[in-house]
Amino acid sequence: MFNGEKIFRIGLGYDIHPFSEGRKLFLGGIEIPYQKGLKGHSDGDVLIHAIMDALLGAIGLPDIGFFFPNNETYKDIESILLLKEVLKMVEERGFKIENIDVVVIAEEPKILPYREKIISNLAFHLSIYKENINIKATSNEGIGFIGKKEGIAVLAVALLSKEKKYAG
């Protein structure tokens, strides 16, 4: 029996990848024009990887490496396909996504010109409203690996909910 109360769960995700010559750059499932892509076993989409880890964390499961190891099955796979698998795990446990908040940390490329397209793409694949996804970007002020334009890091937070069930 349902009484209208909800259970809320929050998950935090983080990912970082170095740039790599000869690869395309994907962020949020969108190809971003840039002279380098991100090194990774899959397509290297750090934004989607951070969201996946946030969703998995919110439902109390291990990280993406547990479910999608670095083997031939996932070599160069589109991260959006992996995100769909994580969404199935979320839904199988009775949760729905309330919102996702993302911070992209990079000196280059600038994210703002692609922000709306990334949000629209993620909303479509996650079957949620665009208003429930926020993407922000910041630089690392020239400090460290990211500041030297050697890669991109992403932090993501996901809020999930489900109806609370009572026996009886």
Foldseek 3Di string as FASTA:
>chain_A
DFDPDKDKFKFKFKDKFFWDAPAFADELLDTDDDRTHTDDQASRHQNLQGVLRGLCVRVPHDGPCVVPPSDPVRGNHRSLVVSLVSLVVCVVVQKAWQAKEKEKEAPDDDCVVCQVVSLVSNCVSRVHDSVRYYYHYDYPCLDDCRSVRGIMMMMMMIMMMHTDDDDD
